[in-house]
């Protein structure tokens, strides 16, 4: 039965059905563990979890730039007086507002090492 689940897993992968493949993978793993337990052999060791990768700052910045570029091109020819065009412009602005901003602000004196003793007018961040 475990081998049959593995065959089904391979078929799902070849057809690009990710959710189905994941289900067959879980079934294959469970059936294989049950078969090993019935034979008296210890279960296969589980692989160590992979450490979480930190995103590449340059790749993140480029992805954000492409998002902005796509949105600008999409709304450049829209008429703000047209209700549909206005809604599309507003949605595009919402997407831009949702983009995570850079952690360092140009408005903050604390972010610039050239002014270590400067006091901002509004107080510390």
N, C-alpha and C. Protein backbone atom coordinates (compact mmCIF):
# COMPACT_ATOMS: atom_id res chain seq x y z
N UNK A 1 0.82 -1.19 0.00
CA UNK A 1 0.00 0.00 0.00
C UNK A 1 0.87 1.26 0.00
N UNK A 2 1.99 1.20 0.73
CA UNK A 2 2.89 2.34 0.76
C UNK A 2 3.48 2.60 -0.62
N UNK A 3 3.81 1.53 -1.34
CA UNK A 3 4.35 1.70 -2.70
C UNK A 3 3.29 2.28 -3.63
N UNK A 4 2.05 1.84 -3.46
CA UNK A 4 0.97 2.38 -4.29
C UNK A 4 0.79 3.89 -4.01
N UNK A 5 0.89 4.28 -2.74
CA UNK A 5 0.80 5.70 -2.40
C UNK A 5 1.95 6.48 -3.02
N UNK A 6 3.13 5.85 -3.09
CA UNK A 6 4.28 6.51 -3.71
C UNK A 6 4.06 6.69 -5.21
N UNK A 7 3.46 5.71 -5.86
CA UNK A 7 3.15 5.83 -7.29
C UNK A 7 2.17 6.98 -7.50
N UNK A 8 1.14 7.04 -6.67
CA UNK A 8 0.15 8.12 -6.78
C UNK A 8 0.81 9.48 -6.51
N UNK A 9 1.74 9.51 -5.56
CA UNK A 9 2.47 10.74 -5.26
C UNK A 9 3.22 11.22 -6.50
N UNK A 10 3.91 10.30 -7.17
CA UNK A 10 4.66 10.67 -8.37
C UNK A 10 3.74 11.18 -9.48
N UNK A 11 2.60 10.54 -9.65
CA UNK A 11 1.65 11.00 -10.67
C UNK A 11 1.15 12.41 -10.37
N UNK A 12 0.84 12.67 -9.10
CA UNK A 12 0.35 14.00 -8.71
C UNK A 12 1.42 15.06 -8.93
N UNK A 13 2.67 14.72 -8.63
CA UNK A 13 3.77 15.67 -8.84
C UNK A 13 3.93 15.97 -10.33
N UNK A 14 3.88 14.95 -11.15
CA UNK A 14 4.04 15.15 -12.60
C UNK A 14 2.91 15.98 -13.18
N UNK A 15 1.73 15.92 -12.58
CA UNK A 15 0.60 16.71 -13.07
C UNK A 15 0.52 18.09 -12.43
N UNK A 16 1.43 18.39 -11.51
CA UNK A 16 1.45 19.70 -10.87
C UNK A 16 0.40 19.89 -9.80
N UNK A 17 -0.10 18.81 -9.24
CA UNK A 17 -1.12 18.89 -8.19
C UNK A 17 -0.45 18.82 -6.83
N UNK A 18 -0.10 19.97 -6.31
CA UNK A 18 0.71 20.06 -5.09
C UNK A 18 -0.05 19.53 -3.87
N UNK A 19 -1.29 19.95 -3.70
CA UNK A 19 -2.05 19.54 -2.52
C UNK A 19 -2.27 18.02 -2.53
N UNK A 20 -2.59 17.48 -3.69
CA UNK A 20 -2.80 16.04 -3.79
C UNK A 20 -1.49 15.30 -3.50
N UNK A 21 -0.39 15.81 -4.04
CA UNK A 21 0.91 15.18 -3.80
C UNK A 21 1.27 15.20 -2.31
N UNK A 22 0.95 16.29 -1.64
CA UNK A 22 1.24 16.37 -0.20
C UNK A 22 0.44 15.32 0.57
N UNK A 23 -0.80 15.12 0.18
CA UNK A 23 -1.62 14.10 0.84
C UNK A 23 -1.06 12.70 0.63
N UNK A 24 -0.66 12.41 -0.61
CA UNK A 24 -0.08 11.08 -0.89
C UNK A 24 1.25 10.91 -0.15
N UNK A 25 2.00 12.00 0.00
CA UNK A 25 3.28 11.91 0.72
C UNK A 25 3.05 11.59 2.19
N UNK A 26 2.05 12.24 2.80
CA UNK A 26 1.74 11.95 4.21
C UNK A 26 1.28 10.49 4.36
N UNK A 27 0.44 10.03 3.44
CA UNK A 27 -0.04 8.65 3.50
C UNK A 27 1.11 7.67 3.32
N UNK A 28 1.99 7.93 2.37
CA UNK A 28 3.14 7.05 2.14
C UNK A 28 4.02 6.98 3.38
N UNK A 29 4.28 8.12 3.99
CA UNK A 29 5.13 8.16 5.19
C UNK A 29 4.48 7.37 6.32
N UNK A 30 3.19 7.58 6.53
CA UNK A 30 2.48 6.88 7.61
C UNK A 30 2.45 5.38 7.37
N UNK A 31 2.15 4.96 6.15
CA UNK A 31 2.11 3.53 5.84
C UNK A 31 3.49 2.89 5.97
N UNK A 32 4.53 3.61 5.56
CA UNK A 32 5.90 3.09 5.69
C UNK A 32 6.27 2.92 7.16
N UNK A 33 5.89 3.90 8.00
CA UNK A 33 6.18 3.79 9.43
C UNK A 33 5.43 2.61 10.05
N UNK A 34 4.17 2.41 9.64
CA UNK A 34 3.41 1.28 10.16
C UNK A 34 4.04 -0.04 9.73
N UNK A 35 4.50 -0.11 8.49
CA UNK A 35 5.14 -1.34 8.01
C UNK A 35 6.43 -1.63 8.77
N UNK A 36 7.21 -0.61 9.03
CA UNK A 36 8.45 -0.80 9.80
C UNK A 36 8.14 -1.24 11.22
N UNK A 37 7.09 -0.66 11.82
CA UNK A 37 6.71 -1.04 13.18
C UNK A 37 6.27 -2.50 13.23
N UNK A 38 5.57 -2.97 12.20
CA UNK A 38 5.12 -4.36 12.15
C UNK A 38 6.30 -5.31 11.99
N UNK A 39 7.34 -4.87 11.27
CA UNK A 39 8.53 -5.69 11.07
C UNK A 39 9.48 -5.64 12.26
N UNK A 40 9.29 -4.67 13.14
CA UNK A 40 10.18 -4.53 14.29
C UNK A 40 11.39 -3.67 14.00
N UNK A 41 11.46 -3.09 12.84
CA UNK A 41 12.59 -2.20 12.53
C UNK A 41 12.26 -0.80 13.02
N UNK A 42 13.28 -0.07 13.48
CA UNK A 42 13.02 1.29 13.97
C UNK A 42 12.61 2.20 12.80
N UNK A 43 11.79 3.20 13.08
CA UNK A 43 11.39 4.12 12.01
C UNK A 43 12.58 4.93 11.50
N UNK A 44 12.49 5.34 10.29
CA UNK A 44 13.56 6.13 9.68
C UNK A 44 13.68 7.46 10.44
N UNK A 45 14.91 7.91 10.66
CA UNK A 45 15.07 9.18 11.37
C UNK A 45 14.50 10.33 10.55
N UNK A 46 13.88 11.25 11.25
CA UNK A 46 13.31 12.41 10.57
C UNK A 46 14.43 13.40 10.29
N UNK A 47 14.41 14.03 9.13
CA UNK A 47 15.46 14.99 8.82
C UNK A 47 15.38 16.20 9.75
N UNK A 48 16.55 16.74 10.05
CA UNK A 48 16.60 17.93 10.90
C UNK A 48 15.95 19.10 10.18
N UNK A 49 15.22 19.93 10.90
CA UNK A 49 14.59 21.07 10.24
C UNK A 49 15.64 22.01 9.68
N UNK A 50 15.35 22.54 8.53
CA UNK A 50 16.29 23.46 7.89
C UNK A 50 16.19 24.81 8.59
N UNK A 51 17.34 25.44 8.79
CA UNK A 51 17.28 26.77 9.41
C UNK A 51 16.58 27.75 8.47
N UNK A 52 15.82 28.64 9.07
CA UNK A 52 15.08 29.62 8.27
C UNK A 52 16.07 30.56 7.58
N UNK A 53 15.86 30.74 6.30
CA UNK A 53 16.73 31.64 5.55
C UNK A 53 16.26 33.08 5.77
N UNK A 54 17.23 33.94 5.92
CA UNK A 54 16.89 35.35 5.97
C UNK A 54 16.78 35.83 4.53
N UNK A 55 15.75 36.60 4.23
CA UNK A 55 15.60 37.05 2.85
C UNK A 55 16.74 37.97 2.44
N UNK A 56 17.11 37.85 1.20
CA UNK A 56 18.17 38.68 0.65
C UNK A 56 17.63 40.11 0.52
N UNK A 57 18.26 41.09 1.16
CA UNK A 57 17.75 42.45 1.11
C UNK A 57 17.67 43.00 -0.32
N UNK A 58 18.65 42.66 -1.15
CA UNK A 58 18.64 43.15 -2.52
C UNK A 58 17.47 42.54 -3.30
N UNK A 59 17.24 41.25 -3.12
CA UNK A 59 16.12 40.59 -3.82
C UNK A 59 14.78 41.15 -3.35
N UNK A 60 14.68 41.43 -2.04
CA UNK A 60 13.46 42.01 -1.51
C UNK A 60 13.21 43.39 -2.09
N UNK A 61 14.26 44.19 -2.15
CA UNK A 61 14.13 45.54 -2.71
C UNK A 61 13.75 45.49 -4.18
N UNK A 62 14.35 44.57 -4.92
CA UNK A 62 14.02 44.45 -6.34
C UNK A 62 12.58 43.99 -6.55
N UNK A 63 12.11 43.09 -5.70
CA UNK A 63 10.72 42.64 -5.81
C UNK A 63 9.75 43.78 -5.53
N UNK A 64 10.07 44.60 -4.53
CA UNK A 64 9.22 45.75 -4.24
C UNK A 64 9.25 46.76 -5.39
N UNK A 65 10.43 46.95 -5.96
CA UNK A 65 10.54 47.89 -7.09
C UNK A 65 9.73 47.40 -8.28
N UNK A 66 9.76 46.09 -8.54
CA UNK A 66 8.96 45.55 -9.65
C UNK A 66 7.47 45.71 -9.38
N UNK A 67 7.06 45.55 -8.12
CA UNK A 67 5.66 45.75 -7.76
C UNK A 67 5.24 47.18 -8.02
N UNK A 68 6.06 48.12 -7.60
CA UNK A 68 5.75 49.54 -7.81
C UNK A 68 5.71 49.83 -9.30
N UNK A 69 6.67 49.33 -10.05
CA UNK A 69 6.72 49.57 -11.49
C UNK A 69 5.47 49.02 -12.17
N UNK A 70 5.05 47.82 -11.81
CA UNK A 70 3.86 47.22 -12.39
C UNK A 70 2.62 48.05 -12.10
N UNK A 71 2.49 48.49 -10.85
CA UNK A 71 1.33 49.30 -10.48
C UNK A 71 1.31 50.63 -11.21
N UNK A 72 2.46 51.26 -11.33
CA UNK A 72 2.52 52.56 -12.01
C UNK A 72 2.15 52.40 -13.48
N UNK A 73 2.65 51.37 -14.11
CA UNK A 73 2.30 51.14 -15.52
C UNK A 73 0.81 50.85 -15.68
N UNK A 74 0.24 50.14 -14.71
CA UNK A 74 -1.17 49.76 -14.82
C UNK A 74 -2.10 50.96 -14.66
N UNK A 75 -1.72 51.93 -13.82
CA UNK A 75 -2.63 53.05 -13.56
C UNK A 75 -2.26 54.31 -14.32
N UNK A 76 -1.18 54.30 -15.06
CA UNK A 76 -0.71 55.52 -15.73
C UNK A 76 -1.74 56.08 -16.70
N UNK A 77 -2.46 55.25 -17.41
CA UNK A 77 -3.42 55.73 -18.41
C UNK A 77 -4.85 55.78 -17.91
N UNK A 78 -5.06 55.53 -16.62
CA UNK A 78 -6.42 55.55 -16.08
C UNK A 78 -6.89 56.98 -15.84
N UNK A 79 -8.18 57.20 -16.00
CA UNK A 79 -8.78 58.51 -15.79
C UNK A 79 -9.34 58.55 -14.36
N UNK A 80 -8.82 59.44 -13.50
CA UNK A 80 -9.33 59.52 -12.14
C UNK A 80 -10.79 59.96 -12.06
N UNK A 81 -11.30 60.61 -13.11
CA UNK A 81 -12.70 61.03 -13.11
C UNK A 81 -13.64 59.85 -13.38
N UNK A 82 -13.14 58.80 -14.02
CA UNK A 82 -13.93 57.61 -14.29
C UNK A 82 -14.03 56.79 -12.99
N UNK A 83 -15.23 56.39 -12.56
CA UNK A 83 -15.36 55.65 -11.29
C UNK A 83 -14.55 54.35 -11.26
N UNK A 84 -14.53 53.62 -12.35
CA UNK A 84 -13.76 52.37 -12.39
C UNK A 84 -12.27 52.67 -12.30
N UNK A 85 -11.83 53.66 -13.07
CA UNK A 85 -10.42 54.04 -13.03
C UNK A 85 -10.02 54.51 -11.64
N UNK A 86 -10.90 55.27 -11.00
CA UNK A 86 -10.61 55.78 -9.66
C UNK A 86 -10.48 54.64 -8.66
N UNK A 87 -11.38 53.64 -8.77
CA UNK A 87 -11.29 52.49 -7.86
C UNK A 87 -9.99 51.74 -8.06
N UNK A 88 -9.57 51.57 -9.31
CA UNK A 88 -8.31 50.88 -9.58
C UNK A 88 -7.12 51.67 -9.04
N UNK A 89 -7.17 52.97 -9.18
CA UNK A 89 -6.09 53.80 -8.63
C UNK A 89 -6.06 53.67 -7.11
N UNK A 90 -7.23 53.73 -6.47
CA UNK A 90 -7.28 53.61 -5.02
C UNK A 90 -6.75 52.25 -4.54
N UNK A 91 -7.13 51.18 -5.25
CA UNK A 91 -6.63 49.85 -4.89
C UNK A 91 -5.11 49.77 -5.05
N UNK A 92 -4.59 50.39 -6.10
CA UNK A 92 -3.15 50.40 -6.31
C UNK A 92 -2.44 51.15 -5.20
N UNK A 93 -3.03 52.25 -4.74
CA UNK A 93 -2.45 52.99 -3.63
C UNK A 93 -2.48 52.18 -2.34
N UNK A 94 -3.53 51.39 -2.15
CA UNK A 94 -3.59 50.52 -0.97
C UNK A 94 -2.47 49.48 -1.01
N UNK A 95 -2.22 48.94 -2.18
CA UNK A 95 -1.13 47.96 -2.32
C UNK A 95 0.20 48.62 -2.01
N UNK A 96 0.40 49.83 -2.51
CA UNK A 96 1.66 50.54 -2.23
C UNK A 96 1.79 50.85 -0.74
N UNK A 97 0.70 51.23 -0.10
CA UNK A 97 0.75 51.51 1.33
C UNK A 97 1.05 50.25 2.14
N UNK A 98 0.64 49.11 1.63
CA UNK A 98 0.85 47.85 2.35
C UNK A 98 2.29 47.35 2.26
N UNK A 99 3.04 47.85 1.29
CA UNK A 99 4.44 47.43 1.18
C UNK A 99 5.19 47.86 2.44
N UNK A 100 6.01 46.98 2.95
CA UNK A 100 6.77 47.29 4.15
C UNK A 100 7.80 48.36 3.84
N UNK A 101 7.84 49.33 4.66
CA UNK A 101 8.77 50.43 4.44
C UNK A 101 10.14 50.06 4.99
N UNK A 102 11.15 50.75 4.52
CA UNK A 102 12.52 50.51 4.97
C UNK A 102 12.63 50.82 6.46
N UNK A 103 13.47 50.07 7.20
CA UNK A 103 13.56 50.30 8.63
C UNK A 103 14.21 51.63 9.00
N UNK A 104 14.97 52.22 8.10
CA UNK A 104 15.62 53.49 8.38
C UNK A 104 14.88 54.59 7.65
N UNK A 105 14.53 55.61 8.39
CA UNK A 105 13.79 56.72 7.81
C UNK A 105 14.71 57.89 7.53
N UNK A 106 14.53 58.54 6.40
CA UNK A 106 15.32 59.73 6.09
C UNK A 106 14.92 60.90 6.97
N UNK A 107 13.73 60.81 7.59
CA UNK A 107 13.25 61.89 8.44
C UNK A 107 13.81 61.83 9.85
N UNK A 108 14.44 60.74 10.19
CA UNK A 108 14.93 60.55 11.55
C UNK A 108 16.40 60.89 11.65
N UNK A 109 16.73 61.76 12.60
CA UNK A 109 18.12 62.11 12.82
C UNK A 109 18.86 60.97 13.49
N UNK A 110 18.13 60.09 14.19
CA UNK A 110 18.78 58.98 14.88
C UNK A 110 19.31 57.94 13.90
N UNK A 111 18.82 57.94 12.68
CA UNK A 111 19.26 56.93 11.72
C UNK A 111 20.54 57.34 11.02
N UNK A 112 20.98 58.55 11.19
CA UNK A 112 22.17 59.04 10.51
C UNK A 112 23.28 59.20 11.53
N UNK A 113 24.35 58.44 11.33
CA UNK A 113 25.48 58.52 12.25
C UNK A 113 26.19 59.86 12.22
N UNK A 114 25.92 60.69 11.24
CA UNK A 114 26.58 62.00 11.15
C UNK A 114 26.04 63.00 12.15
N UNK A 115 24.89 62.71 12.76
CA UNK A 115 24.30 63.60 13.74
C UNK A 115 23.98 62.85 15.03
N UNK A 116 25.00 62.30 15.71
CA UNK A 116 24.71 61.45 16.87
C UNK A 116 24.11 62.23 18.03
N UNK A 117 24.41 63.51 18.17
CA UNK A 117 23.91 64.28 19.31
C UNK A 117 22.69 65.13 18.98
N UNK A 118 22.23 65.09 17.75
CA UNK A 118 21.12 65.93 17.34
C UNK A 118 19.82 65.46 18.01
N UNK A 119 19.03 66.39 18.45
CA UNK A 119 17.73 66.11 19.04
C UNK A 119 16.64 66.44 18.05
N UNK A 120 15.79 65.50 17.73
CA UNK A 120 14.70 65.82 16.80
C UNK A 120 13.66 66.69 17.48
N UNK A 121 12.93 67.43 16.68
CA UNK A 121 11.93 68.33 17.23
C UNK A 121 10.75 67.58 17.83
N UNK A 122 10.46 66.40 17.33
CA UNK A 122 9.29 65.65 17.78
C UNK A 122 9.62 64.65 18.87
N UNK A 123 10.87 64.49 19.27
CA UNK A 123 11.24 63.53 20.30
C UNK A 123 11.77 62.25 19.68
N UNK A 124 12.24 61.35 20.52
CA UNK A 124 12.80 60.09 19.99
C UNK A 124 11.72 59.23 19.36
N UNK A 125 12.17 58.34 18.46
CA UNK A 125 11.19 57.48 17.77
C UNK A 125 10.57 56.46 18.69
